Amino acid sequence: MNNEKYCLGCGVKLQDENILGEGYTTSLDKDYCQRCFRIKNYGEYQIVTKSNDEYLEILKSVGETKDLVLYIADLLNIEENLNKIRDIIPNKMILVLNKRDVLPKSVNDNKLIEYFKDNNTFDKVIVISSEKNYNIDYLLKQIKLYQTTNNVYVVGHTNAGKSTLINKLLRNYSTSDRELTISPLPSTTLNTVKIEINEYLTLIDTPGLVDSGSIVNYISSDEFKRISPRKEIKPKTFQLRKGQSIIVESFFRIDYVEGERNSFTFYMSNDLKIRRISNKHDDLKDLQKRTYDIVYNEDLCINGLGFIKMVNKGVVDIYLDSKVSTYKRSNLI
């Protein structure tokens, strides 16, 4: 007889022998490990380090099924190559662009959908906000249309909002009072977790892939809360001439090195202080420098922080932590 029991919050096997180990609980009669209990009730967070290799093995097993997959992505911090997931999972897949509520209301959903339709091989692209319950009914209809079995897997990078979405679906369409553990910090789900929504839909949450190039891996929990928008972003636009610079607190600096007068619009948390300086000042020049040749209508994305929209061509230097990745793309907005 199998007496193994798994945490309803993060999916790890419960155990009452090693207080420092994953899945520790004071009693095996409980439904949640001590870590999830403390996150849910006290907002405490205990970091658990797992390698992406373990997570990749879980995703490979998803790829061996015929089940529908929901790939959840954070609209403010879209991965550089969304199609990489296809190397692991060939299943039918819906791209779910989450956190619509943090982008300005003036942004057109259809333009977002067309942008990603042109750049990926997903079966469907949907824009939602789990936080604001936006388009969740429509998402459920599309799940019914595309699902091949009762099981539907939920995948994505850490902090994309997978558990928040599942909890929203639970509250909207299930009579269960169960809830996944949610934390504002990454790596909360540690194993697969099965959640039965109703008789025809069982969602399977998977651990978030850790993006080693994201700034969230290299800052404090207080800084993380400040860089994560809680409400609609108010973009900040600066008209820069050659020789002027912008500093975003202690996170990064961008110098406008070459080009005609240009518009730089920052899509980042409203809590961040963004200011213009002369590039004669040496603030943050001890960080790693990268040079980008921007052509017309390109964004410069800073992994985990957001992006900067530029409209004219020019050359910029950006100074930031060497471990944080950056990349260019055509304007999202």
C-alpha atoms as a PDB file:
ATOM      1  CA  MET A   1       0.000   0.000   0.000  1.00  0.00           C
ATOM      2  CA  ASN A   2       1.351   3.416  -0.944  1.00  0.00           C
ATOM      3  CA  ASN A   3       1.125   5.812   2.000  1.00  0.00           C
ATOM      4  CA  GLU A   4       3.053   8.611   0.319  1.00  0.00           C
ATOM      5  CA  LYS A   5       1.387  11.996   0.584  1.00  0.00           C
ATOM      6  CA  TYR A   6       2.197  15.154  -1.364  1.00  0.00           C
ATOM      7  CA  CYS A   7       1.870  18.824  -0.409  1.00  0.00           C
ATOM      8  CA  LEU A   8      -1.217  20.406  -1.959  1.00  0.00           C
ATOM      9  CA  GLY A   9       0.640  23.723  -2.261  1.00  0.00           C
ATOM     10  CA  CYS A  10       3.953  22.923  -3.956  1.00  0.00           C
ATOM     11  CA  GLY A  11       3.701  19.239  -4.876  1.00  0.00           C
ATOM     12  CA  VAL A  12       6.651  17.817  -2.899  1.00  0.00           C
ATOM     13  CA  LYS A  13       6.384  14.568  -0.939  1.00  0.00           C
ATOM     14  CA  LEU A  14       5.553  15.259   2.699  1.00  0.00           C
ATOM     15  CA  GLN A  15       7.936  13.978   5.376  1.00  0.00           C
ATOM     16  CA  ASP A  16       8.256  14.508   9.147  1.00  0.00           C
ATOM     17  CA  GLU A  17      11.850  13.391   9.733  1.00  0.00           C
ATOM     18  CA  ASN A  18      14.155  16.133   8.397  1.00  0.00           C
ATOM     19  CA  ILE A  19      13.173  19.672   9.424  1.00  0.00           C
ATOM     20  CA  LEU A  20      15.634  21.117   6.865  1.00  0.00           C
ATOM     21  CA  GLY A  21      14.473  18.929   4.002  1.00  0.00           C
ATOM     22  CA  GLU A  22      11.871  19.580   1.318  1.00  0.00           C
ATOM     23  CA  GLY A  23       8.323  18.651   2.283  1.00  0.00           C
ATOM     24  CA  TYR A  24       8.856  18.786   6.050  1.00  0.00           C
ATOM     25  CA  THR A  25       5.681  18.861   8.138  1.00  0.00           C
ATOM     26  CA  THR A  26       5.104  18.441  11.851  1.00  0.00           C
ATOM     27  CA  SER A  27       2.431  15.832  11.091  1.00  0.00           C
ATOM     28  CA  LEU A  28       1.738  13.658   8.060  1.00  0.00           C
ATOM     29  CA  ASP A  29      -1.959  14.239   8.709  1.00  0.00           C
ATOM     30  CA  LYS A  30      -1.512  17.775   7.351  1.00  0.00           C
ATOM     31  CA  ASP A  31      -2.078  18.719   3.697  1.00  0.00           C
ATOM     32  CA  TYR A  32       0.703  21.320   3.362  1.00  0.00           C
ATOM     33  CA  CYS A  33       4.428  21.260   4.068  1.00  0.00           C
ATOM     34  CA  GLN A  34       5.684  23.705   6.685  1.00  0.00           C
ATOM     35  CA  ARG A  35       7.206  25.949   4.005  1.00  0.00           C
ATOM     36  CA  CYS A  36       3.867  26.350   2.172  1.00  0.00           C
ATOM     37  CA  PHE A  37       1.993  26.776   5.446  1.00  0.00           C
ATOM     38  CA  ARG A  38       4.273  29.654   6.444  1.00  0.00           C
ATOM     39  CA  ILE A  39       4.047  31.280   2.993  1.00  0.00           C
ATOM     40  CA  LYS A  40       0.234  31.068   3.031  1.00  0.00           C
ATOM     41  CA  ASN A  41      -0.322  32.210   6.607  1.00  0.00           C
ATOM     42  CA  TYR A  42       2.615  34.488   7.423  1.00  0.00           C
ATOM     43  CA  GLY A  43       3.982  35.612   4.063  1.00  0.00           C
ATOM     44  CA  GLU A  44       7.346  34.078   4.935  1.00  0.00           C
ATOM     45  CA  TYR A  45       9.443  32.693   2.112  1.00  0.00           C
ATOM     46  CA  GLN A  46      12.162  30.068   2.314  1.00  0.00           C
ATOM     47  CA  ILE A  47      14.326  29.805  -0.773  1.00  0.00           C
ATOM     48  CA  VAL A  48      14.742  26.305  -2.177  1.00  0.00           C
ATOM     49  CA  THR A  49      17.409  25.912  -4.836  1.00  0.00           C
ATOM     50  CA  LYS A  50      16.716  23.334  -7.526  1.00  0.00           C
ATOM     51  CA  SER A  51      18.492  23.010 -10.844  1.00  0.00           C
ATOM     52  CA  ASN A  52      16.802  23.557 -14.185  1.00  0.00           C
ATOM     53  CA  ASP A  53      17.921  20.031 -15.099  1.00  0.00           C
ATOM     54  CA  GLU A  54      15.323  18.630 -12.698  1.00  0.00           C
ATOM     55  CA  TYR A  55      12.643  20.912 -14.130  1.00  0.00           C
ATOM     56  CA  LEU A  56      13.606  20.060 -17.704  1.00  0.00           C
ATOM     57  CA  GLU A  57      13.128  16.356 -16.967  1.00  0.00           C
ATOM     58  CA  ILE A  58       9.596  17.135 -15.780  1.00  0.00           C
ATOM     59  CA  LEU A  59       8.899  19.113 -18.976  1.00  0.00           C
ATOM     60  CA  LYS A  60      10.294  16.302 -21.145  1.00  0.00           C
ATOM     61  CA  SER A  61       7.810  13.927 -19.519  1.00  0.00           C
ATOM     62  CA  VAL A  62       5.033  16.397 -20.451  1.00  0.00           C
ATOM     63  CA  GLY A  63       6.271  16.190 -24.046  1.00  0.00           C
ATOM     64  CA  GLU A  64       5.779  12.423 -23.998  1.00  0.00           C
ATOM     65  CA  THR A  65       2.031  12.873 -23.478  1.00  0.00           C
ATOM     66  CA  LYS A  66      -0.559  14.007 -26.017  1.00  0.00           C
ATOM     67  CA  ASP A  67      -2.072  16.482 -23.563  1.00  0.00           C
ATOM     68  CA  LEU A  68      -2.747  20.168 -24.206  1.00  0.00           C
ATOM     69  CA  VAL A  69      -0.189  22.566 -22.715  1.00  0.00           C
ATOM     70  CA  LEU A  70      -0.749  26.148 -21.537  1.00  0.00           C
ATOM     71  CA  TYR A  71       2.485  28.143 -21.821  1.00  0.00           C
ATOM     72  CA  ILE A  72       2.184  31.133 -19.473  1.00  0.00           C
ATOM     73  CA  ALA A  73       4.311  34.195 -20.258  1.00  0.00           C
ATOM     74  CA  ASP A  74       4.641  37.544 -18.471  1.00  0.00           C
ATOM     75  CA  LEU A  75       3.813  40.313 -20.986  1.00  0.00           C
ATOM     76  CA  LEU A  76       6.303  42.699 -19.392  1.00  0.00           C
ATOM     77  CA  ASN A  77       9.120  40.142 -19.472  1.00  0.00           C
ATOM     78  CA  ILE A  78       8.654  37.937 -22.523  1.00  0.00           C
ATOM     79  CA  GLU A  79      11.466  35.451 -23.092  1.00  0.00           C
ATOM     80  CA  GLU A  80      13.844  36.229 -25.957  1.00  0.00           C
ATOM     81  CA  ASN A  81      12.975  32.986 -27.737  1.00  0.00           C
ATOM     82  CA  LEU A  82       9.483  31.717 -26.950  1.00  0.00           C
ATOM     83  CA  ASN A  83       9.902  28.841 -29.385  1.00  0.00           C
ATOM     84  CA  LYS A  84      12.629  27.153 -27.307  1.00  0.00           C
ATOM     85  CA  ILE A  85       9.873  25.371 -25.391  1.00  0.00           C
ATOM     86  CA  ARG A  86       9.099  23.537 -28.650  1.00  0.00           C
ATOM     87  CA  ASP A  87      12.458  21.734 -28.404  1.00  0.00           C
ATOM     88  CA  ILE A  88      11.096  20.042 -25.280  1.00  0.00           C
ATOM     89  CA  ILE A  89       7.323  19.931 -25.726  1.00  0.00           C
ATOM     90  CA  PRO A  90       5.792  19.235 -29.196  1.00  0.00           C
ATOM     91  CA  ASN A  91       2.205  19.017 -27.830  1.00  0.00           C
ATOM     92  CA  LYS A  92      -0.704  21.247 -28.805  1.00  0.00           C
ATOM     93  CA  MET A  93       0.047  24.489 -27.000  1.00  0.00           C
ATOM     94  CA  ILE A  94      -1.764  27.726 -26.159  1.00  0.00           C
ATOM     95  CA  LEU A  95       0.402  30.765 -25.488  1.00  0.00           C
ATOM     96  CA  VAL A  96      -1.199  32.620 -22.566  1.00  0.00           C
ATOM     97  CA  LEU A  97       0.093  36.198 -22.327  1.00  0.00           C
ATOM     98  CA  ASN A  98      -0.497  37.030 -18.668  1.00  0.00           C
ATOM     99  CA  LYS A  99      -0.407  40.261 -16.615  1.00  0.00           C
ATOM    100  CA  ARG A 100      -2.329  42.326 -19.171  1.00  0.00           C
ATOM    101  CA  ASP A 101      -3.301  44.599 -16.261  1.00  0.00           C
ATOM    102  CA  VAL A 102       0.232  46.016 -15.911  1.00  0.00           C
ATOM    103  CA  LEU A 103       0.428  47.238 -19.512  1.00  0.00           C
ATOM    104  CA  PRO A 104      -1.314  50.542 -20.340  1.00  0.00           C
ATOM    105  CA  LYS A 105      -5.015  50.200 -21.162  1.00  0.00           C
ATOM    106  CA  SER A 106      -4.360  51.998 -24.460  1.00  0.00           C
ATOM    107  CA  VAL A 107      -2.435  48.965 -25.766  1.00  0.00           C
ATOM    108  CA  ASN A 108      -4.582  46.965 -28.200  1.00  0.00           C
ATOM    109  CA  ASP A 109      -4.972  43.254 -27.364  1.00  0.00           C
ATOM    110  CA  ASN A 110      -5.316  42.276 -31.023  1.00  0.00           C
ATOM    111  CA  LYS A 111      -1.998  43.935 -31.856  1.00  0.00           C
ATOM    112  CA  LEU A 112      -0.332  41.942 -29.075  1.00  0.00           C
ATOM    113  CA  ILE A 113      -1.840  38.728 -30.405  1.00  0.00           C
ATOM    114  CA  GLU A 114      -0.776  39.485 -33.997  1.00  0.00           C
ATOM    115  CA  TYR A 115       2.750  40.311 -32.794  1.00  0.00           C
ATOM    116  CA  PHE A 116       3.163  36.880 -31.255  1.00  0.00           C
ATOM    117  CA  LYS A 117       1.310  35.054 -34.006  1.00  0.00           C
ATOM    118  CA  ASP A 118       4.006  36.254 -36.378  1.00  0.00           C
ATOM    119  CA  ASN A 119       6.809  35.095 -34.091  1.00  0.00           C
ATOM    120  CA  ASN A 120       5.873  31.623 -32.859  1.00  0.00           C
ATOM    121  CA  THR A 121       4.340  28.238 -33.620  1.00  0.00           C
ATOM    122  CA  PHE A 122       1.590  28.122 -30.986  1.00  0.00           C
ATOM    123  CA  ASP A 123      -1.875  26.805 -31.764  1.00  0.00           C
ATOM    124  CA  LYS A 124      -3.540  29.813 -30.133  1.00  0.00           C
ATOM    125  CA  VAL A 125      -2.477  33.103 -28.511  1.00  0.00           C
ATOM    126  CA  ILE A 126      -4.606  34.566 -25.695  1.00  0.00           C
ATOM    127  CA  VAL A 127      -4.151  37.730 -23.618  1.00  0.00           C
ATOM    128  CA  ILE A 128      -5.313  37.505 -19.986  1.00  0.00           C
ATOM    129  CA  SER A 129      -4.913  38.965 -16.529  1.00  0.00           C
ATOM    130  CA  SER A 130      -5.229  36.375 -13.765  1.00  0.00           C
ATOM    131  CA  GLU A 131      -5.095  39.155 -11.199  1.00  0.00           C
ATOM    132  CA  LYS A 132      -8.053  41.056 -12.703  1.00  0.00           C
ATOM    133  CA  ASN A 133      -9.998  38.001 -13.942  1.00  0.00           C
ATOM    134  CA  TYR A 134      -9.646  39.345 -17.499  1.00  0.00           C
ATOM    135  CA  ASN A 135     -10.452  36.923 -20.369  1.00  0.00           C
ATOM    136  CA  ILE A 136     -10.493  33.897 -18.034  1.00  0.00           C
ATOM    137  CA  ASP A 137     -13.888  32.736 -19.353  1.00  0.00           C
ATOM    138  CA  TYR A 138     -12.542  32.939 -22.900  1.00  0.00           C
ATOM    139  CA  LEU A 139      -9.419  30.989 -21.891  1.00  0.00           C
ATOM    140  CA  LEU A 140     -11.566  28.195 -20.453  1.00  0.00           C
ATOM    141  CA  LYS A 141     -13.548  27.989 -23.722  1.00  0.00           C
ATOM    142  CA  GLN A 142     -10.301  27.683 -25.702  1.00  0.00           C
ATOM    143  CA  ILE A 143      -9.018  24.994 -23.343  1.00  0.00           C
ATOM    144  CA  LYS A 144     -12.203  22.990 -24.016  1.00  0.00           C
ATOM    145  CA  LEU A 145     -11.721  23.492 -27.762  1.00  0.00           C
ATOM    146  CA  TYR A 146      -8.077  22.344 -27.861  1.00  0.00           C
ATOM    147  CA  GLN A 147      -7.757  19.794 -25.034  1.00  0.00           C
ATOM    148  CA  THR A 148      -7.149  16.176 -26.068  1.00  0.00           C
ATOM    149  CA  THR A 149      -7.723  14.561 -22.641  1.00  0.00           C
ATOM    150  CA  ASN A 150      -8.911  15.779 -19.239  1.00  0.00           C
ATOM    151  CA  ASN A 151      -5.299  16.615 -18.338  1.00  0.00           C
ATOM    152  CA  VAL A 152      -3.932  20.046 -19.278  1.00  0.00           C
ATOM    153  CA  TYR A 153      -0.371  20.994 -18.274  1.00  0.00           C
ATOM    154  CA  VAL A 154       0.610  24.504 -17.183  1.00  0.00           C
ATOM    155  CA  VAL A 155       4.222  25.504 -17.909  1.00  0.00           C
ATOM    156  CA  GLY A 156       6.323  28.666 -17.983  1.00  0.00           C
ATOM    157  CA  HIS A 157       9.161  30.536 -16.310  1.00  0.00           C
ATOM    158  CA  THR A 158       9.158  31.509 -12.648  1.00  0.00           C
ATOM    159  CA  ASN A 159       6.973  34.485 -11.766  1.00  0.00           C
ATOM    160  CA  ALA A 160       4.898  34.223 -14.967  1.00  0.00           C
ATOM    161  CA  GLY A 161       1.754  33.749 -12.854  1.00  0.00           C
ATOM    162  CA  LYS A 162       1.010  30.040 -13.335  1.00  0.00           C
ATOM    163  CA  SER A 163      -0.212  29.350  -9.799  1.00  0.00           C
ATOM    164  CA  THR A 164      -2.223  32.591  -9.709  1.00  0.00           C
ATOM    165  CA  LEU A 165      -4.018  31.546 -12.902  1.00  0.00           C
ATOM    166  CA  ILE A 166      -4.768  28.058 -11.586  1.00  0.00           C
ATOM    167  CA  ASN A 167      -6.150  29.488  -8.344  1.00  0.00           C
ATOM    168  CA  LYS A 168      -8.358  31.838 -10.377  1.00  0.00           C
ATOM    169  CA  LEU A 169      -9.704  28.891 -12.402  1.00  0.00           C
ATOM    170  CA  LEU A 170     -10.299  26.988  -9.157  1.00  0.00           C
ATOM    171  CA  ARG A 171     -12.246  29.853  -7.621  1.00  0.00           C
ATOM    172  CA  ASN A 172     -14.256  30.532 -10.799  1.00  0.00           C
ATOM    173  CA  TYR A 173     -15.147  27.035 -11.931  1.00  0.00           C
ATOM    174  CA  SER A 174     -14.624  24.565  -9.086  1.00  0.00           C
ATOM    175  CA  THR A 175     -16.373  23.837  -5.794  1.00  0.00           C
ATOM    176  CA  SER A 176     -13.038  22.885  -4.213  1.00  0.00           C
ATOM    177  CA  ASP A 177     -11.601  25.140  -1.509  1.00  0.00           C
ATOM    178  CA  ARG A 178      -8.096  24.011  -2.409  1.00  0.00           C
ATOM    179  CA  GLU A 179      -5.465  26.627  -3.281  1.00  0.00           C
ATOM    180  CA  LEU A 180      -1.937  26.458  -4.657  1.00  0.00           C
ATOM    181  CA  THR A 181       0.803  28.196  -2.722  1.00  0.00           C
ATOM    182  CA  ILE A 182       1.561  31.630  -4.187  1.00  0.00           C
ATOM    183  CA  SER A 183       4.528  33.806  -3.305  1.00  0.00           C
ATOM    184  CA  PRO A 184       5.777  37.036  -4.875  1.00  0.00           C
ATOM    185  CA  LEU A 185       9.135  35.304  -5.237  1.00  0.00           C
ATOM    186  CA  PRO A 186      10.162  32.623  -7.747  1.00  0.00           C
ATOM    187  CA  SER A 187      10.380  28.829  -7.346  1.00  0.00           C
ATOM    188  CA  THR A 188       7.308  28.289  -5.175  1.00  0.00           C
ATOM    189  CA  THR A 189       6.059  25.190  -7.017  1.00  0.00           C
ATOM    190  CA  LEU A 190       8.676  22.438  -6.622  1.00  0.00           C
ATOM    191  CA  ASN A 191       7.036  19.485  -8.328  1.00  0.00           C
ATOM    192  CA  THR A 192       4.013  18.729 -10.494  1.00  0.00           C
ATOM    193  CA  VAL A 193       0.699  19.384  -8.734  1.00  0.00           C
ATOM    194  CA  LYS A 194      -2.607  17.960 -10.024  1.00  0.00           C
ATOM    195  CA  ILE A 195      -5.673  20.145  -9.556  1.00  0.00           C
ATOM    196  CA  GLU A 196      -9.089  18.898 -10.589  1.00  0.00           C
ATOM    197  CA  ILE A 197     -11.182  21.843 -11.734  1.00  0.00           C
ATOM    198  CA  ASN A 198     -14.247  19.817 -12.763  1.00  0.00           C
ATOM    199  CA  GLU A 199     -15.175  16.472 -14.334  1.00  0.00           C
ATOM    200  CA  TYR A 200     -13.612  17.347 -17.701  1.00  0.00           C
ATOM    201  CA  LEU A 201     -10.563  19.402 -16.681  1.00  0.00           C
ATOM    202  CA  THR A 202      -7.578  18.565 -14.489  1.00  0.00           C
ATOM    203  CA  LEU A 203      -4.769  21.103 -14.536  1.00  0.00           C
ATOM    204  CA  ILE A 204      -1.223  19.962 -13.813  1.00  0.00           C
ATOM    205  CA  ASP A 205       1.019  22.731 -12.525  1.00  0.00           C
ATOM    206  CA  THR A 206       4.747  22.369 -13.171  1.00  0.00           C
ATOM    207  CA  PRO A 207       7.755  24.058 -11.537  1.00  0.00           C
ATOM    208  CA  GLY A 208       8.683  27.357 -13.137  1.00  0.00           C
ATOM    209  CA  LEU A 209      11.808  27.247 -15.261  1.00  0.00           C
ATOM    210  CA  VAL A 210      14.479  29.452 -13.712  1.00  0.00           C
ATOM    211  CA  ASP A 211      15.878  31.994 -16.176  1.00  0.00           C
ATOM    212  CA  SER A 212      19.493  32.500 -15.099  1.00  0.00           C
ATOM    213  CA  GLY A 213      19.606  35.779 -17.051  1.00  0.00           C
ATOM    214  CA  SER A 214      16.778  37.400 -15.072  1.00  0.00           C
ATOM    215  CA  ILE A 215      17.625  40.172 -12.629  1.00  0.00           C
ATOM    216  CA  VAL A 216      15.259  38.604 -10.067  1.00  0.00           C
ATOM    217  CA  ASN A 217      17.953  36.031  -9.280  1.00  0.00           C
ATOM    218  CA  TYR A 218      20.430  38.690  -8.150  1.00  0.00           C
ATOM    219  CA  ILE A 219      18.428  41.152  -6.023  1.00  0.00           C
ATOM    220  CA  SER A 220      16.903  41.199  -2.550  1.00  0.00           C
ATOM    221  CA  SER A 221      13.276  40.286  -1.828  1.00  0.00           C
ATOM    222  CA  ASP A 222      12.504  43.973  -1.104  1.00  0.00           C
ATOM    223  CA  GLU A 223      13.990  45.008  -4.463  1.00  0.00           C
ATOM    224  CA  PHE A 224      12.038  42.243  -6.161  1.00  0.00           C
ATOM    225  CA  LYS A 225       8.754  43.599  -4.813  1.00  0.00           C
ATOM    226  CA  ARG A 226       9.621  47.065  -6.102  1.00  0.00           C
ATOM    227  CA  ILE A 227      10.501  45.979  -9.632  1.00  0.00           C
ATOM    228  CA  SER A 228       7.312  43.859  -9.908  1.00  0.00           C
ATOM    229  CA  PRO A 229       4.397  46.105 -10.978  1.00  0.00           C
ATOM    230  CA  ARG A 230       1.229  45.764  -8.895  1.00  0.00           C
ATOM    231  CA  LYS A 231      -0.865  48.063 -11.088  1.00  0.00           C
ATOM    232  CA  GLU A 232      -0.965  49.587 -14.573  1.00  0.00           C
ATOM    233  CA  ILE A 233       2.400  50.966 -15.662  1.00  0.00           C
ATOM    234  CA  LYS A 234       2.656  54.652 -16.471  1.00  0.00           C
ATOM    235  CA  PRO A 235       5.350  54.707 -19.168  1.00  0.00           C
ATOM    236  CA  LYS A 236       8.049  57.348 -18.715  1.00  0.00           C
ATOM    237  CA  THR A 237       9.294  58.968 -21.950  1.00  0.00           C
ATOM    238  CA  PHE A 238      12.550  60.915 -22.331  1.00  0.00           C
ATOM    239  CA  GLN A 239      13.709  62.810 -25.423  1.00  0.00           C
ATOM    240  CA  LEU A 240      17.465  62.252 -25.539  1.00  0.00           C
ATOM    241  CA  ARG A 241      20.244  63.828 -27.538  1.00  0.00           C
ATOM    242  CA  LYS A 242      23.632  62.262 -28.124  1.00  0.00           C
ATOM    243  CA  GLY A 243      25.660  62.533 -24.903  1.00  0.00           C
ATOM    244  CA  GLN A 244      22.738  62.161 -22.497  1.00  0.00           C
ATOM    245  CA  SER A 245      22.071  59.217 -20.189  1.00  0.00           C
ATOM    246  CA  ILE A 246      19.320  57.643 -18.093  1.00  0.00           C
ATOM    247  CA  ILE A 247      19.825  55.882 -14.762  1.00  0.00           C
ATOM    248  CA  VAL A 248      17.333  53.438 -13.260  1.00  0.00           C
ATOM    249  CA  GLU A 249      18.272  53.484  -9.574  1.00  0.00           C
ATOM    250  CA  SER A 250      21.233  51.159  -8.964  1.00  0.00           C
ATOM    251  CA  PHE A 251      20.042  48.612 -11.533  1.00  0.00           C
ATOM    252  CA  PHE A 252      21.336  49.963 -14.834  1.00  0.00           C
ATOM    253  CA  ARG A 253      22.438  52.959 -16.858  1.00  0.00           C
ATOM    254  CA  ILE A 254      21.865  53.638 -20.559  1.00  0.00           C
ATOM    255  CA  ASP A 255      23.965  56.132 -22.546  1.00  0.00           C
ATOM    256  CA  TYR A 256      22.827  57.560 -25.880  1.00  0.00           C
ATOM    257  CA  VAL A 257      26.123  57.390 -27.753  1.00  0.00           C
ATOM    258  CA  GLU A 258      25.250  58.167 -31.379  1.00  0.00           C
ATOM    259  CA  GLY A 259      22.209  59.295 -33.327  1.00  0.00           C
ATOM    260  CA  GLU A 260      19.702  62.093 -33.806  1.00  0.00           C
ATOM    261  CA  ARG A 261      17.287  63.192 -31.092  1.00  0.00           C
ATOM    262  CA  ASN A 262      15.453  60.054 -29.985  1.00  0.00           C
ATOM    263  CA  SER A 263      12.528  58.970 -27.830  1.00  0.00           C
ATOM    264  CA  PHE A 264      13.169  56.466 -24.999  1.00  0.00           C
ATOM    265  CA  THR A 265      10.002  55.129 -23.309  1.00  0.00           C
ATOM    266  CA  PHE A 266      10.466  52.991 -20.205  1.00  0.00           C
ATOM    267  CA  TYR A 267       7.919  50.243 -19.511  1.00  0.00           C
ATOM    268  CA  MET A 268       8.864  49.327 -15.958  1.00  0.00           C
ATOM    269  CA  SER A 269       7.394  49.364 -12.458  1.00  0.00           C
ATOM    270  CA  ASN A 270       6.057  52.743 -11.322  1.00  0.00           C
ATOM    271  CA  ASP A 271       8.026  52.290  -8.089  1.00  0.00           C
ATOM    272  CA  LEU A 272      11.368  52.672  -9.873  1.00  0.00           C
ATOM    273  CA  LYS A 273      13.103  56.061  -9.913  1.00  0.00           C
ATOM    274  CA  ILE A 274      14.234  56.842 -13.470  1.00  0.00           C
ATOM    275  CA  ARG A 275      16.281  59.998 -14.059  1.00  0.00           C
ATOM    276  CA  ARG A 276      18.239  61.724 -16.813  1.00  0.00           C
ATOM    277  CA  ILE A 277      21.920  62.613 -16.342  1.00  0.00           C
ATOM    278  CA  SER A 278      24.808  63.815 -18.497  1.00  0.00           C
ATOM    279  CA  ASN A 279      27.025  60.956 -19.563  1.00  0.00           C
ATOM    280  CA  LYS A 280      29.955  62.920 -18.133  1.00  0.00           C
ATOM    281  CA  HIS A 281      28.944  61.445 -14.759  1.00  0.00           C
ATOM    282  CA  ASP A 282      30.415  58.028 -13.967  1.00  0.00           C
ATOM    283  CA  ASP A 283      27.461  56.563 -12.011  1.00  0.00           C
ATOM    284  CA  LEU A 284      27.204  52.759 -12.521  1.00  0.00           C
ATOM    285  CA  LYS A 285      30.041  52.662 -15.043  1.00  0.00           C
ATOM    286  CA  ASP A 286      31.658  49.975 -12.902  1.00  0.00           C
ATOM    287  CA  LEU A 287      28.984  47.577 -14.213  1.00  0.00           C
ATOM    288  CA  GLN A 288      29.416  45.590 -17.422  1.00  0.00           C
ATOM    289  CA  LYS A 289      29.025  47.652 -20.604  1.00  0.00           C
ATOM    290  CA  ARG A 290      27.186  46.392 -23.684  1.00  0.00           C
ATOM    291  CA  THR A 291      26.737  48.305 -26.915  1.00  0.00           C
ATOM    292  CA  TYR A 292      23.628  48.049 -29.095  1.00  0.00           C
ATOM    293  CA  ASP A 293      23.105  49.394 -32.586  1.00  0.00           C
ATOM    294  CA  ILE A 294      19.381  50.185 -32.566  1.00  0.00           C
ATOM    295  CA  VAL A 295      17.517  50.361 -35.883  1.00  0.00           C
ATOM    296  CA  TYR A 296      14.108  52.027 -36.304  1.00  0.00           C
ATOM    297  CA  ASN A 297      11.321  50.961 -33.911  1.00  0.00           C
ATOM    298  CA  GLU A 298      13.106  48.552 -31.612  1.00  0.00           C
ATOM    299  CA  ASP A 299      12.802  47.677 -27.924  1.00  0.00           C
ATOM    300  CA  LEU A 300      15.735  47.004 -25.641  1.00  0.00           C
ATOM    301  CA  CYS A 301      14.633  44.381 -23.099  1.00  0.00           C
ATOM    302  CA  ILE A 302      16.252  44.029 -19.661  1.00  0.00           C
ATOM    303  CA  ASN A 303      15.451  40.546 -18.390  1.00  0.00           C
ATOM    304  CA  GLY A 304      13.194  40.763 -15.328  1.00  0.00           C
ATOM    305  CA  LEU A 305      12.860  44.561 -15.329  1.00  0.00           C
ATOM    306  CA  GLY A 306      10.854  45.379 -18.457  1.00  0.00           C
ATOM    307  CA  PHE A 307      11.791  47.119 -21.698  1.00  0.00           C
ATOM    308  CA  ILE A 308      12.681  50.449 -23.322  1.00  0.00           C
ATOM    309  CA  LYS A 309      10.938  51.453 -26.542  1.00  0.00           C
ATOM    310  CA  MET A 310      12.962  53.491 -29.043  1.00  0.00           C
ATOM    311  CA  VAL A 311      11.692  54.906 -32.332  1.00  0.00           C
ATOM    312  CA  ASN A 312      14.778  56.136 -34.242  1.00  0.00           C
ATOM    313  CA  LYS A 313      18.047  54.428 -34.996  1.00  0.00           C
ATOM    314  CA  GLY A 314      21.085  55.098 -32.831  1.00  0.00           C
ATOM    315  CA  VAL A 315      23.830  53.552 -30.710  1.00  0.00           C
ATOM    316  CA  VAL A 316      23.407  52.976 -26.983  1.00  0.00           C
ATOM    317  CA  ASP A 317      25.660  51.674 -24.237  1.00  0.00           C
ATOM    318  CA  ILE A 318      23.977  49.897 -21.342  1.00  0.00           C
ATOM    319  CA  TYR A 319      25.715  49.214 -18.026  1.00  0.00           C
ATOM    320  CA  LEU A 320      24.317  46.516 -15.745  1.00  0.00           C
ATOM    321  CA  ASP A 321      25.133  43.318 -13.854  1.00  0.00           C
ATOM    322  CA  SER A 322      27.038  40.960 -16.134  1.00  0.00           C
ATOM    323  CA  LYS A 323      24.717  38.070 -15.191  1.00  0.00           C
ATOM    324  CA  VAL A 324      21.557  39.858 -16.384  1.00  0.00           C
ATOM    325  CA  SER A 325      20.660  39.291 -20.031  1.00  0.00           C
ATOM    326  CA  THR A 326      19.450  41.912 -22.506  1.00  0.00           C
ATOM    327  CA  TYR A 327      18.176  41.688 -26.072  1.00  0.00           C
ATOM    328  CA  LYS A 328      16.601  43.687 -28.914  1.00  0.00           C
ATOM    329  CA  ARG A 329      13.290  43.070 -30.640  1.00  0.00           C
ATOM    330  CA  SER A 330      10.850  44.989 -32.848  1.00  0.00           C
ATOM    331  CA  ASN A 331       8.540  47.295 -30.868  1.00  0.00           C
ATOM    332  CA  LEU A 332       5.965  45.314 -28.889  1.00  0.00           C
ATOM    333  CA  ILE A 333       3.812  48.411 -28.351  1.00  0.00           C
END
